[in-house]
Amino acid sequence: MRTKIKKTIILFVILFIFLIVANKLAMASDVGKKSEKVINIGIEKTGNNYSVKGIDVEFGEVSYYDNYKTFKNLYYTGTLISYKNQILGYFSIPNFTTKICFDTIGSNGKMTGGCKFPENGNIVIAAPYFPNAKQIDIYSPDGKKILSIDVSSKATCNENGKCDKPMETFNNCRVDCPTYEPIKPATTITDQNKPEPKKTTGLMSGFSWRGLGIILGGLILICLAVIFLLKIKKDKQI
């Protein structure tokens, strides 16, 4: 009898550990984030030299991460730096090349073509936009820094401790403008200057439906194990 109780306790402990680990893995699989805007950067490559030719911002999504382990040693990597010299995120640049592809029809009527990699040419990269990003550093797959791009001209939050209106607002620079100031009655409140709802924190923060499913599955297994052991005990008593 005592042996069965010990086995039951061990089974519960193993299942509990499994549920915790599985939930952590499920939550860790969704570490990637997406930006609401994209900053497009045109770069001219001449030999081993790079120069920025244009920067613009548009609405769109680009994935970024809190670390670069996902694409380390695989792609070129971009690192976003804030005015306080803090890393805002990492993003991959799979096509940091001057590759030119073409298709032609030969004299025999067959289509031919291919790709070339000229030493000189133009490159366009898409980076996640941060209102407080001052600089973007580009690294090669082996970790060598090849270019630093000044993107301060597109920033709307210089993190200097002062609310520089009208560029900085409660919505785009809460570091410098921590207090929401309602617009005068004579003007119309638009979606752009409405305060954003506060993010909820507490029991539901970091919630994972995948993790919940794993936990419920584990609880079902525990219940089945208990029913099985009770049935064995009852059969022996008979």
Protein backbone atom coordinates (compact mmCIF):
# COMPACT_ATOMS: atom_id res chain seq x y z
CA MET A 1 0.00 0.00 0.00
CA ARG A 2 2.77 2.43 0.96
CA THR A 3 4.63 1.60 -2.25
CA LYS A 4 1.59 2.56 -4.32
CA ILE A 5 1.23 5.85 -2.44
CA LYS A 6 4.90 6.66 -3.09
CA LYS A 7 4.49 5.85 -6.78
CA THR A 8 1.42 8.10 -6.94
CA ILE A 9 3.30 10.99 -5.31
CA ILE A 10 6.25 10.53 -7.69
CA LEU A 11 3.86 10.49 -10.65
CA PHE A 12 2.24 13.75 -9.50
CA VAL A 13 5.65 15.41 -9.07
CA ILE A 14 6.79 14.34 -12.55
CA LEU A 15 3.58 15.57 -14.16
CA PHE A 16 3.78 18.89 -12.28
CA ILE A 17 7.36 19.47 -13.44
CA PHE A 18 6.33 18.55 -17.00
CA LEU A 19 3.51 21.11 -16.96
CA ILE A 20 5.78 23.90 -15.74
CA VAL A 21 8.50 23.20 -18.32
CA ALA A 22 6.00 22.79 -21.17
CA ASN A 23 4.31 26.09 -20.33
CA LYS A 24 7.66 27.91 -20.24
CA LEU A 25 8.61 26.47 -23.62
CA ALA A 26 5.24 27.45 -25.10
CA MET A 27 5.64 31.03 -23.90
CA ALA A 28 9.27 31.20 -25.04
CA SER A 29 8.28 30.25 -28.60
CA ASP A 30 6.50 33.60 -29.01
CA VAL A 31 9.38 35.92 -28.15
CA GLY A 32 9.26 37.70 -31.50
CA LYS A 33 7.52 41.10 -31.58
CA LYS A 34 6.28 43.22 -34.47
CA SER A 35 6.59 46.94 -34.98
CA GLU A 36 3.69 49.13 -36.08
CA LYS A 37 5.88 51.17 -38.43
CA VAL A 38 8.81 50.45 -40.71
CA ILE A 39 11.85 52.60 -41.36
CA ASN A 40 13.20 51.98 -44.87
CA ILE A 41 16.85 52.79 -45.44
CA GLY A 42 18.48 53.07 -48.87
CA ILE A 43 22.19 52.22 -48.87
CA GLU A 44 24.76 52.56 -51.66
CA LYS A 45 27.58 50.00 -51.65
CA THR A 46 30.90 50.85 -53.29
CA GLY A 47 33.40 48.10 -52.73
CA ASN A 48 33.60 47.63 -48.97
CA ASN A 49 32.18 51.10 -48.28
CA TYR A 50 28.56 51.87 -47.47
CA SER A 51 26.73 55.20 -47.50
CA VAL A 52 23.13 56.04 -46.64
CA LYS A 53 21.16 57.64 -49.47
CA GLY A 54 17.66 57.89 -48.03
CA ILE A 55 15.49 57.20 -44.97
CA ASP A 56 11.71 57.17 -44.76
CA VAL A 57 9.06 55.84 -42.37
CA GLU A 58 5.80 54.14 -43.28
CA PHE A 59 3.18 51.96 -41.64
CA GLY A 60 4.03 48.27 -41.68
CA GLU A 61 5.33 45.38 -39.62
CA VAL A 62 8.88 44.16 -39.06
CA SER A 63 9.77 41.46 -36.56
CA TYR A 64 12.34 42.19 -33.88
CA TYR A 65 13.71 40.31 -30.88
CA ASP A 66 15.19 40.90 -27.46
CA ASN A 67 18.27 38.89 -28.51
CA TYR A 68 19.80 37.77 -31.79
CA LYS A 69 20.26 34.04 -31.04
CA THR A 70 17.52 33.15 -33.53
CA PHE A 71 19.55 34.32 -36.53
CA LYS A 72 23.11 34.43 -35.10
CA ASN A 73 25.72 33.38 -37.71
CA LEU A 74 22.95 33.13 -40.33
CA TYR A 75 22.09 36.66 -41.48
CA TYR A 76 23.21 40.22 -41.25
CA THR A 77 21.81 41.75 -38.08
CA GLY A 78 20.52 45.19 -37.18
CA THR A 79 20.69 46.59 -33.64
CA LEU A 80 18.50 49.54 -32.65
CA ILE A 81 20.06 51.99 -30.17
CA SER A 82 18.11 54.61 -28.18
CA TYR A 83 19.14 58.13 -27.18
CA LYS A 84 20.11 56.69 -23.80
CA ASN A 85 22.37 54.17 -25.59
CA GLN A 86 20.11 51.29 -24.67
CA ILE A 87 19.41 48.41 -27.05
CA LEU A 88 15.78 48.53 -28.18
CA GLY A 89 15.83 45.31 -30.18
CA TYR A 90 17.49 43.17 -32.85
CA PHE A 91 16.25 42.37 -36.35
CA SER A 92 17.58 40.20 -39.16
CA ILE A 93 18.53 41.37 -42.66
CA PRO A 94 18.40 38.25 -44.88
CA ASN A 95 19.08 40.16 -48.13
CA PHE A 96 21.88 42.59 -47.34
CA THR A 97 23.31 42.27 -50.84
CA THR A 98 23.50 44.00 -54.21
CA LYS A 99 22.05 40.94 -55.96
CA ILE A 100 20.46 41.65 -59.35
CA CYS A 101 18.34 38.96 -60.99
CA PHE A 102 17.10 38.98 -64.59
CA ASP A 103 15.25 36.86 -67.16
CA THR A 104 15.78 37.00 -70.91
CA ILE A 105 14.62 35.06 -73.97
CA GLY A 106 17.42 33.71 -76.13
CA SER A 107 17.56 33.44 -79.90
CA ASN A 108 16.25 29.88 -79.65
CA GLY A 109 13.12 31.11 -77.89
CA LYS A 110 14.04 29.63 -74.54
CA MET A 111 14.01 31.69 -71.38
CA THR A 112 17.32 32.14 -69.66
CA GLY A 113 18.45 34.26 -66.75
CA GLY A 114 20.18 34.29 -63.44
CA CYS A 115 21.48 36.51 -60.67
CA LYS A 116 24.59 38.64 -60.37
CA PHE A 117 26.28 40.06 -57.29
CA PRO A 118 28.02 43.24 -58.45
CA GLU A 119 30.59 44.79 -56.12
CA ASN A 120 28.80 48.12 -56.37
CA GLY A 121 25.07 48.68 -56.12
CA ASN A 122 22.10 49.67 -53.99
CA ILE A 123 20.66 47.94 -50.94
CA VAL A 124 17.37 48.61 -49.15
CA ILE A 125 16.75 47.39 -45.61
CA ALA A 126 13.51 47.50 -43.60
CA ALA A 127 13.92 48.04 -39.86
CA PRO A 128 11.34 48.26 -37.06
CA TYR A 129 10.60 51.87 -36.19
CA PHE A 130 11.05 53.14 -32.64
CA PRO A 131 10.25 56.79 -31.86
CA ASN A 132 13.29 56.96 -29.54
CA ALA A 133 15.77 55.19 -31.85
CA LYS A 134 18.87 57.29 -32.50
CA GLN A 135 21.06 54.82 -34.35
CA ILE A 136 21.01 51.47 -36.12
CA ASP A 137 24.17 49.35 -36.20
CA ILE A 138 24.56 46.71 -38.91
CA TYR A 139 26.61 43.57 -38.24
CA SER A 140 27.78 40.83 -40.58
CA PRO A 141 26.87 37.17 -39.83
CA ASP A 142 30.26 36.70 -38.13
CA GLY A 143 29.54 39.58 -35.74
CA LYS A 144 31.64 42.30 -37.42
CA LYS A 145 30.17 45.80 -37.32
CA ILE A 146 30.09 47.18 -40.86
CA LEU A 147 27.86 50.26 -40.66
CA SER A 148 26.25 52.72 -38.24
CA ILE A 149 23.18 54.61 -39.47
CA ASP A 150 21.98 57.82 -37.86
CA VAL A 151 18.15 57.71 -37.76
CA SER A 152 17.67 60.60 -35.31
CA SER A 153 16.03 62.67 -38.07
CA LYS A 154 13.03 60.31 -37.91
CA ALA A 155 12.86 60.12 -34.11
CA THR A 156 10.08 61.84 -32.16
CA CYS A 157 11.44 61.18 -28.66
CA ASN A 158 14.95 62.37 -27.78
CA GLU A 159 14.76 61.26 -24.12
CA ASN A 160 16.27 64.52 -22.82
CA GLY A 161 13.93 64.81 -19.85
CA LYS A 162 11.94 67.70 -21.37
CA CYS A 163 8.64 67.50 -23.21
CA ASP A 164 9.54 69.19 -26.51
CA LYS A 165 6.16 70.08 -27.96
CA PRO A 166 4.64 69.69 -30.45
CA MET A 167 6.99 66.91 -31.61
CA GLU A 168 6.88 64.98 -28.35
CA THR A 169 3.56 63.97 -26.82
CA PHE A 170 2.20 61.67 -24.15
CA ASN A 171 1.55 59.05 -26.85
CA ASN A 172 4.92 58.97 -28.60
CA CYS A 173 7.31 59.94 -25.79
CA ARG A 174 6.11 59.11 -22.30
CA VAL A 175 9.67 59.27 -21.01
CA ASP A 176 9.76 63.03 -21.62
CA CYS A 177 5.99 63.66 -21.43
CA PRO A 178 4.74 61.42 -18.60
CA THR A 179 1.55 63.39 -17.99
CA TYR A 180 -1.34 63.43 -20.43
CA GLU A 181 -2.54 66.94 -21.17
CA PRO A 182 -6.03 67.11 -22.68
CA ILE A 183 -6.51 69.30 -25.72
CA LYS A 184 -8.35 72.58 -25.31
CA PRO A 185 -12.15 72.42 -25.83
CA ALA A 186 -11.86 74.52 -28.99
CA THR A 187 -10.06 71.70 -30.76
CA THR A 188 -11.26 68.24 -31.66
CA ILE A 189 -9.74 65.21 -30.01
CA THR A 190 -8.54 62.80 -32.64
CA ASP A 191 -7.39 59.23 -32.40
CA GLN A 192 -3.81 60.45 -32.69
CA ASN A 193 -3.81 62.45 -29.47
CA LYS A 194 -6.09 60.28 -27.33
CA PRO A 195 -4.32 58.60 -24.40
CA GLU A 196 -3.58 54.95 -24.98
CA PRO A 197 -5.28 52.51 -22.60
CA LYS A 198 -3.06 51.28 -19.80
CA LYS A 199 -1.63 47.84 -20.28
CA THR A 200 -2.96 45.36 -17.77
CA THR A 201 -0.52 43.58 -15.56
CA GLY A 202 -1.05 40.88 -13.00
CA LEU A 203 -2.29 37.34 -13.22
CA MET A 204 -3.08 37.51 -16.95
CA SER A 205 0.22 39.10 -18.03
CA GLY A 206 2.28 36.70 -20.15
CA PHE A 207 -0.80 34.44 -20.55
CA SER A 208 -0.37 31.66 -23.11
CA TRP A 209 -3.32 29.71 -24.53
CA ARG A 210 -0.91 27.01 -25.65
CA GLY A 211 0.42 26.72 -22.11
CA LEU A 212 -3.13 26.56 -20.74
CA GLY A 213 -3.93 23.68 -23.08
CA ILE A 214 -0.85 21.79 -21.91
CA ILE A 215 -1.79 22.38 -18.26
CA LEU A 216 -5.37 21.14 -18.81
CA GLY A 217 -4.03 18.07 -20.63
CA GLY A 218 -1.71 17.35 -17.72
CA LEU A 219 -4.56 17.69 -15.20
CA ILE A 220 -6.61 15.20 -17.20
CA LEU A 221 -3.69 12.75 -17.09
CA ILE A 222 -3.43 13.21 -13.32
CA CYS A 223 -7.15 12.53 -12.87
CA LEU A 224 -6.93 9.38 -15.02
CA ALA A 225 -3.94 8.18 -13.00
CA VAL A 226 -5.83 8.70 -9.70
CA ILE A 227 -8.91 6.87 -11.01
CA PHE A 228 -6.72 4.00 -12.21
CA LEU A 229 -5.00 3.63 -8.83
CA LEU A 230 -8.31 3.80 -6.94
CA LYS A 231 -9.75 1.10 -9.19
CA ILE A 232 -6.77 -1.15 -8.50
CA LYS A 233 -7.17 -0.60 -4.75
CA LYS A 234 -10.91 -1.34 -4.91
CA ASP A 235 -10.38 -4.54 -6.93
CA LYS A 236 -7.90 -5.82 -4.34
CA GLN A 237 -10.29 -5.12 -1.49
CA ILE A 238 -12.93 -7.23 -3.26
